Amino acid sequence: MALSRGLRCCQRVFSWIPVLIITSVALWSYYAYVFELCLFTLTNTFEKVAYLLVFHVCFVMFSWTYWRSIFTPAASPCKKFQLSYSDKQRYEMEERPDAQKQILVEIAKKLPIFTRAQSGAIRFCDRCQVLKPDRCHHCSVCETCVLKMDHHCPWVNNCVGFSNYKFFLLFLSYSMLYCVFIAATVFQYFLKFWVGDLPNGPAKFHVLFLMFVALMFFVSLMFLFGYHCWLVAKNRSTLEAFSAPVFVSGPDRNGFNVGIRRNLQQVFGENRRLWFIPVFTSQGNGHYFPLKNRSSESHNPLLANEDMWEESDDGSEEGSLVFAVSTRTGGT
């Protein structure tokens, strides 16, 4: 038991190493650009001020989005998806697998669940003891079920899912912008140091490596960002791109694809002025997502009647869920 706890503690410590690597590279790039390039190498005051101003805007947005990606907790299913005490007792006492599946089916009728396991059964997490909402998956690293899980990213030491997917996309975009700006402004001084027009010194080393590191990160980020832009346009997660979600009618990779505009709004919200700012504006609460084939919703009478599905034990529980499914409101 003590050994297991020790191993888990070591795992948590080592999981921060990729974050420390990125942070160290970012801090070094700040020093190299601000001090070695702008303050010690540049002689034109206007150029120096302009470079420093734009650089700090890029650096702040890069740092802000990275911070939000790391420290925004992954959202987990609410209490409504947990088995009640009586249901849990009934489920655990039942030894027949088919009878257990039927118990889960009866419970799921009260919830907006439309996806199924590959076997066609209701998706249930034995470790978290919850019925999995659509697009929810269990992360073995975080040891919890994550709403609209995309993947577990070691570079942010966090699960990328419903609560921080927008921040992760912005982090990729501002990282690319940061690298492009550095490469574009350093390039001429990179050539001057390379051909010997500028004297050798500490600045030469930093400027040369700034160019190489910026280009290297930009190329890798470009492919990753392009892939996630494609996923957003199709309204898929990384997991769904590899394994299509299964509905009552069968697997369908485009089951949640409701058009590019609505797909973007699900991630970034309806207020376009906030799209590029790392504040949470995603639609809904991660437990229900509009379907491309709305006829699937008729399998759940609560949603087919366009009634409200909500969790409110005492009328004041924080994070209460309200789903009003109607064509007039367009989903969540």
Protein backbone atom coordinates (compact mmCIF):
# COMPACT_ATOMS: atom_id res chain seq x y z
CA MET A 1 0.00 0.00 0.00
CA ALA A 2 2.80 2.41 0.96
CA LEU A 3 4.74 1.39 -2.17
CA SER A 4 1.70 2.09 -4.34
CA ARG A 5 1.29 5.53 -2.78
CA GLY A 6 4.99 6.24 -3.28
CA LEU A 7 4.81 5.27 -6.95
CA ARG A 8 1.75 7.48 -7.48
CA CYS A 9 3.55 10.36 -5.77
CA CYS A 10 6.59 9.90 -8.03
CA GLN A 11 4.32 9.72 -11.06
CA ARG A 12 2.70 13.04 -10.13
CA VAL A 13 6.12 14.66 -9.70
CA PHE A 14 7.51 13.33 -12.99
CA SER A 15 4.33 14.33 -14.84
CA TRP A 16 5.35 17.98 -14.37
CA ILE A 17 8.66 17.53 -16.24
CA PRO A 18 7.20 18.30 -19.73
CA VAL A 19 5.56 21.45 -18.30
CA LEU A 20 8.86 22.51 -16.75
CA ILE A 21 10.60 21.96 -20.10
CA ILE A 22 8.12 24.19 -21.95
CA THR A 23 8.28 26.80 -19.18
CA SER A 24 12.08 26.81 -19.23
CA VAL A 25 12.20 27.23 -23.01
CA ALA A 26 9.65 30.07 -22.80
CA LEU A 27 11.60 31.87 -20.08
CA TRP A 28 14.88 31.45 -21.96
CA SER A 29 13.25 32.78 -25.15
CA TYR A 30 12.02 35.80 -23.17
CA TYR A 31 15.53 36.53 -21.90
CA ALA A 32 17.17 35.92 -25.28
CA TYR A 33 14.74 38.11 -27.21
CA VAL A 34 14.25 40.98 -24.74
CA PHE A 35 17.78 41.31 -23.42
CA GLU A 36 20.22 39.75 -25.87
CA LEU A 37 18.44 40.86 -29.04
CA CYS A 38 16.42 43.99 -28.27
CA LEU A 39 18.46 45.62 -25.50
CA PHE A 40 22.00 44.52 -26.37
CA THR A 41 21.93 44.08 -30.17
CA LEU A 42 19.39 46.46 -31.70
CA THR A 43 20.50 50.08 -32.14
CA ASN A 44 17.38 51.60 -33.71
CA THR A 45 15.18 52.90 -30.87
CA PHE A 46 11.92 52.78 -32.85
CA GLU A 47 12.60 49.21 -33.94
CA LYS A 48 13.50 48.26 -30.40
CA VAL A 49 10.29 49.70 -28.92
CA ALA A 50 8.08 48.19 -31.64
CA TYR A 51 9.63 44.74 -31.25
CA LEU A 52 9.33 44.81 -27.46
CA LEU A 53 5.69 45.96 -27.56
CA VAL A 54 4.48 43.29 -29.98
CA PHE A 55 6.63 40.61 -28.35
CA HIS A 56 5.14 41.22 -24.92
CA VAL A 57 1.58 41.04 -26.28
CA CYS A 58 2.38 37.67 -27.87
CA PHE A 59 4.18 36.45 -24.75
CA VAL A 60 1.32 37.43 -22.42
CA MET A 61 -1.31 35.69 -24.56
CA PHE A 62 0.90 32.62 -24.91
CA SER A 63 1.47 32.45 -21.14
CA TRP A 64 -2.18 33.15 -20.30
CA THR A 65 -3.54 30.40 -22.56
CA TYR A 66 -0.89 27.94 -21.38
CA TRP A 67 -1.77 28.69 -17.76
CA ARG A 68 -5.49 28.15 -18.42
CA SER A 69 -4.80 24.88 -20.26
CA ILE A 70 -2.79 23.55 -17.32
CA PHE A 71 -4.79 24.72 -14.33
CA THR A 72 -8.39 24.48 -15.57
CA PRO A 73 -9.67 21.30 -13.90
CA ALA A 74 -11.07 18.63 -16.19
CA ALA A 75 -14.87 18.57 -15.88
CA SER A 76 -16.41 15.34 -14.58
CA PRO A 77 -20.01 14.03 -14.80
CA CYS A 78 -22.41 15.53 -12.29
CA LYS A 79 -24.22 13.61 -9.54
CA LYS A 80 -27.20 12.95 -11.78
CA PHE A 81 -25.10 10.39 -13.69
CA GLN A 82 -23.98 8.58 -10.54
CA LEU A 83 -25.90 5.53 -9.40
CA SER A 84 -28.18 6.13 -6.46
CA TYR A 85 -27.63 4.00 -3.39
CA SER A 86 -30.54 1.69 -4.22
CA ASP A 87 -29.53 1.38 -7.89
CA LYS A 88 -25.95 0.65 -6.90
CA GLN A 89 -27.06 -2.06 -4.49
CA ARG A 90 -29.31 -3.59 -7.12
CA TYR A 91 -26.57 -3.45 -9.75
CA GLU A 92 -23.88 -5.00 -7.53
CA MET A 93 -26.14 -7.75 -6.19
CA GLU A 94 -27.18 -8.80 -9.68
CA GLU A 95 -24.80 -11.45 -11.01
CA ARG A 96 -26.25 -11.85 -14.51
CA PRO A 97 -24.54 -9.50 -17.04
CA ASP A 98 -27.73 -9.16 -19.10
CA ALA A 99 -29.70 -8.14 -16.03
CA GLN A 100 -27.01 -5.59 -15.11
CA LYS A 101 -27.22 -4.11 -18.60
CA GLN A 102 -31.00 -3.84 -18.27
CA ILE A 103 -30.65 -1.99 -14.97
CA LEU A 104 -28.36 0.55 -16.66
CA VAL A 105 -30.81 0.89 -19.55
CA GLU A 106 -33.63 1.74 -17.13
CA ILE A 107 -31.50 4.38 -15.37
CA ALA A 108 -30.29 5.85 -18.68
CA LYS A 109 -33.88 6.48 -19.81
CA LYS A 110 -33.97 9.39 -17.36
CA LEU A 111 -30.78 10.92 -18.80
CA PRO A 112 -29.79 12.48 -22.14
CA ILE A 113 -27.58 9.56 -23.20
CA PHE A 114 -27.52 8.52 -26.85
CA THR A 115 -24.15 6.87 -27.34
CA ARG A 116 -23.45 3.23 -26.58
CA ALA A 117 -20.49 0.94 -26.03
CA GLN A 118 -19.24 -1.14 -28.96
CA SER A 119 -21.40 -3.99 -27.68
CA GLY A 120 -24.49 -1.77 -27.76
CA ALA A 121 -24.72 -1.55 -23.96
CA ILE A 122 -25.02 1.64 -21.91
CA ARG A 123 -21.54 3.03 -21.26
CA PHE A 124 -20.77 2.63 -17.56
CA CYS A 125 -17.51 3.33 -15.71
CA ASP A 126 -16.89 0.73 -13.01
CA ARG A 127 -14.08 2.79 -11.47
CA CYS A 128 -16.03 6.05 -11.16
CA GLN A 129 -19.41 4.34 -10.76
CA VAL A 130 -21.12 6.68 -13.22
CA LEU A 131 -23.07 6.34 -16.41
CA LYS A 132 -20.93 8.06 -19.00
CA PRO A 133 -22.55 11.05 -20.71
CA ASP A 134 -22.10 11.29 -24.46
CA ARG A 135 -18.46 11.93 -25.44
CA CYS A 136 -17.27 11.28 -21.87
CA HIS A 137 -14.33 8.92 -21.31
CA HIS A 138 -12.28 7.69 -18.37
CA CYS A 139 -8.71 8.99 -18.20
CA SER A 140 -6.36 6.44 -16.66
CA VAL A 141 -3.79 9.16 -15.89
CA CYS A 142 -6.18 11.56 -14.13
CA GLU A 143 -8.13 8.58 -12.73
CA THR A 144 -11.50 10.18 -13.43
CA CYS A 145 -14.13 10.41 -16.15
CA VAL A 146 -13.72 13.56 -18.26
CA LEU A 147 -16.54 15.31 -20.11
CA LYS A 148 -15.98 15.46 -23.89
CA MET A 149 -12.49 14.10 -23.40
CA ASP A 150 -10.15 14.82 -26.32
CA HIS A 151 -6.86 13.45 -25.01
CA HIS A 152 -4.52 13.60 -22.06
CA CYS A 153 -1.74 16.03 -22.93
CA PRO A 154 1.58 15.58 -21.08
CA TRP A 155 2.73 19.05 -22.19
CA VAL A 156 0.00 20.65 -20.08
CA ASN A 157 -0.16 17.80 -17.55
CA ASN A 158 -3.92 17.82 -17.84
CA CYS A 159 -6.79 16.23 -19.68
CA VAL A 160 -7.95 18.29 -22.63
CA GLY A 161 -11.73 18.17 -22.66
CA PHE A 162 -14.89 20.20 -22.43
CA SER A 163 -13.68 22.61 -19.74
CA ASN A 164 -10.38 23.60 -21.37
CA TYR A 165 -10.52 22.63 -25.06
CA LYS A 166 -10.93 26.27 -26.11
CA PHE A 167 -7.91 27.23 -23.99
CA PHE A 168 -5.86 24.43 -25.55
CA LEU A 169 -6.71 25.57 -29.09
CA LEU A 170 -5.84 29.17 -28.20
CA PHE A 171 -2.59 27.97 -26.64
CA LEU A 172 -1.64 26.26 -29.92
CA SER A 173 -2.57 29.33 -31.97
CA TYR A 174 -0.73 31.85 -29.76
CA SER A 175 2.27 29.52 -29.56
CA MET A 176 2.43 29.53 -33.36
CA LEU A 177 2.06 33.32 -33.44
CA TYR A 178 4.82 33.63 -30.81
CA CYS A 179 7.17 31.45 -32.87
CA VAL A 180 6.35 33.22 -36.15
CA PHE A 181 6.96 36.66 -34.67
CA ILE A 182 10.29 35.61 -33.17
CA ALA A 183 11.46 33.96 -36.39
CA ALA A 184 10.39 36.90 -38.56
CA THR A 185 12.08 39.55 -36.43
CA VAL A 186 15.21 37.56 -35.61
CA PHE A 187 15.87 36.40 -39.19
CA GLN A 188 17.88 39.42 -40.38
CA TYR A 189 20.08 39.38 -37.26
CA PHE A 190 20.44 35.63 -37.58
CA LEU A 191 21.93 36.20 -41.06
CA LYS A 192 24.20 38.99 -39.83
CA PHE A 193 25.59 36.83 -37.03
CA TRP A 194 25.89 33.88 -39.42
CA VAL A 195 27.98 35.77 -42.01
CA GLY A 196 29.96 37.68 -39.38
CA ASP A 197 28.54 41.18 -39.88
CA LEU A 198 27.92 41.41 -36.14
CA PRO A 199 30.64 40.76 -33.52
CA ASN A 200 30.81 37.46 -31.71
CA GLY A 201 29.46 37.43 -28.18
CA PRO A 202 26.74 35.91 -25.97
CA ALA A 203 24.03 37.46 -28.15
CA LYS A 204 25.16 35.41 -31.16
CA PHE A 205 24.49 32.12 -29.43
CA HIS A 206 21.05 33.20 -28.22
CA VAL A 207 19.96 34.69 -31.55
CA LEU A 208 21.06 31.64 -33.54
CA PHE A 209 19.27 29.24 -31.23
CA LEU A 210 16.17 31.47 -31.07
CA MET A 211 15.82 31.06 -34.81
CA PHE A 212 16.25 27.29 -34.77
CA VAL A 213 13.97 26.72 -31.77
CA ALA A 214 11.23 29.03 -33.13
CA LEU A 215 11.19 27.27 -36.50
CA MET A 216 11.27 23.81 -34.93
CA PHE A 217 8.33 24.51 -32.63
CA PHE A 218 6.39 26.28 -35.38
CA VAL A 219 6.56 23.30 -37.74
CA SER A 220 5.39 20.84 -35.08
CA LEU A 221 2.66 23.19 -33.84
CA MET A 222 1.44 23.87 -37.36
CA PHE A 223 0.55 20.22 -37.96
CA LEU A 224 -1.04 19.79 -34.54
CA PHE A 225 -3.06 23.01 -34.82
CA GLY A 226 -4.19 22.13 -38.34
CA TYR A 227 -5.37 18.72 -37.15
CA HIS A 228 -7.40 20.23 -34.31
CA CYS A 229 -8.93 22.82 -36.64
CA TRP A 230 -10.13 19.92 -38.78
CA LEU A 231 -11.54 18.20 -35.68
CA VAL A 232 -13.43 21.36 -34.65
CA ALA A 233 -14.87 21.77 -38.14
CA LYS A 234 -16.11 18.16 -38.02
CA ASN A 235 -17.13 18.38 -34.32
CA ARG A 236 -15.02 15.40 -33.35
CA SER A 237 -12.62 14.75 -30.52
CA THR A 238 -9.28 13.02 -31.03
CA LEU A 239 -10.76 9.86 -29.53
CA GLU A 240 -13.78 10.04 -31.83
CA ALA A 241 -11.53 10.48 -34.86
CA PHE A 242 -9.88 7.15 -34.08
CA SER A 243 -13.01 5.34 -32.89
CA ALA A 244 -16.40 6.52 -34.13
CA PRO A 245 -19.05 7.06 -31.43
CA VAL A 246 -21.70 4.35 -31.39
CA PHE A 247 -25.38 5.28 -31.37
CA VAL A 248 -28.49 3.13 -31.23
CA SER A 249 -28.42 3.05 -35.02
CA GLY A 250 -24.72 2.11 -35.10
CA PRO A 251 -21.31 3.87 -35.37
CA ASP A 252 -21.31 7.35 -36.89
CA ARG A 253 -18.22 9.59 -37.05
CA ASN A 254 -20.42 12.56 -37.96
CA GLY A 255 -23.03 11.98 -35.27
CA PHE A 256 -22.30 15.31 -33.55
CA ASN A 257 -21.53 17.31 -36.71
CA VAL A 258 -24.19 20.04 -36.88
CA GLY A 259 -22.47 22.33 -39.41
CA ILE A 260 -19.26 24.35 -39.25
CA ARG A 261 -20.85 27.48 -37.74
CA ARG A 262 -22.59 25.62 -34.91
CA ASN A 263 -19.55 23.40 -34.40
CA LEU A 264 -17.39 26.49 -33.86
CA GLN A 265 -19.97 28.00 -31.52
CA GLN A 266 -19.98 24.87 -29.37
CA VAL A 267 -16.28 25.40 -28.65
CA PHE A 268 -15.91 29.19 -28.78
CA GLY A 269 -19.41 30.46 -27.99
CA GLU A 270 -21.66 32.87 -29.86
CA ASN A 271 -19.83 36.09 -28.89
CA ARG A 272 -17.07 36.35 -31.48
CA ARG A 273 -15.35 39.14 -29.57
CA LEU A 274 -14.42 36.58 -26.91
CA TRP A 275 -13.25 33.85 -29.26
CA PHE A 276 -9.57 34.78 -29.00
CA ILE A 277 -9.56 35.52 -25.26
CA PRO A 278 -8.94 32.62 -22.82
CA VAL A 279 -12.21 32.92 -20.92
CA PHE A 280 -14.73 30.09 -20.88
CA THR A 281 -17.41 30.67 -23.52
CA SER A 282 -18.17 27.13 -24.73
CA GLN A 283 -21.83 26.25 -25.05
CA GLY A 284 -23.58 23.89 -22.65
CA ASN A 285 -22.07 22.05 -19.74
CA GLY A 286 -20.57 18.99 -21.39
CA HIS A 287 -23.30 16.49 -20.54
CA TYR A 288 -25.38 16.79 -23.69
CA PHE A 289 -24.55 17.69 -27.30
CA PRO A 290 -26.94 18.27 -30.22
CA LEU A 291 -27.03 15.42 -32.70
CA LYS A 292 -26.80 15.57 -36.47
CA ASN A 293 -29.63 13.08 -36.73
CA ARG A 294 -32.19 14.56 -34.38
CA SER A 295 -34.44 11.53 -34.74
CA SER A 296 -32.08 9.75 -32.33
CA GLU A 297 -33.35 12.05 -29.59
CA SER A 298 -36.81 10.57 -29.89
CA HIS A 299 -35.52 7.47 -28.09
CA ASN A 300 -35.50 9.55 -24.90
CA PRO A 301 -39.02 10.79 -24.05
CA LEU A 302 -37.67 13.57 -21.84
CA LEU A 303 -35.95 15.17 -24.82
CA ALA A 304 -38.45 14.16 -27.52
CA ASN A 305 -41.09 16.19 -25.69
CA GLU A 306 -38.75 19.19 -25.55
CA ASP A 307 -39.07 19.21 -21.79
CA MET A 308 -36.41 20.38 -19.39
CA TRP A 309 -33.86 17.96 -18.03
CA GLU A 310 -32.31 19.29 -14.90
CA GLU A 311 -30.57 18.45 -11.68
CA SER A 312 -31.71 20.43 -8.70
CA ASP A 313 -31.82 18.72 -5.34
CA ASP A 314 -32.58 21.82 -3.33
CA GLY A 315 -32.97 24.42 -6.03
CA SER A 316 -29.63 26.02 -5.20
CA GLU A 317 -26.98 23.44 -6.11
CA GLU A 318 -24.12 25.05 -7.95
CA GLY A 319 -23.60 23.74 -11.44
CA SER A 320 -27.24 22.69 -11.89
CA LEU A 321 -27.92 21.36 -15.35
CA VAL A 322 -30.63 22.60 -17.62
CA PHE A 323 -31.19 21.25 -21.08
CA ALA A 324 -33.84 22.76 -23.31
CA VAL A 325 -33.75 20.82 -26.53
CA SER A 326 -35.68 22.57 -29.26
CA THR A 327 -35.09 23.58 -32.81
CA ARG A 328 -35.73 27.17 -31.88
CA THR A 329 -32.82 27.39 -29.42
CA GLY A 330 -30.59 25.13 -31.47
CA GLY A 331 -29.42 22.71 -28.76
CA THR A 332 -27.81 23.25 -25.43
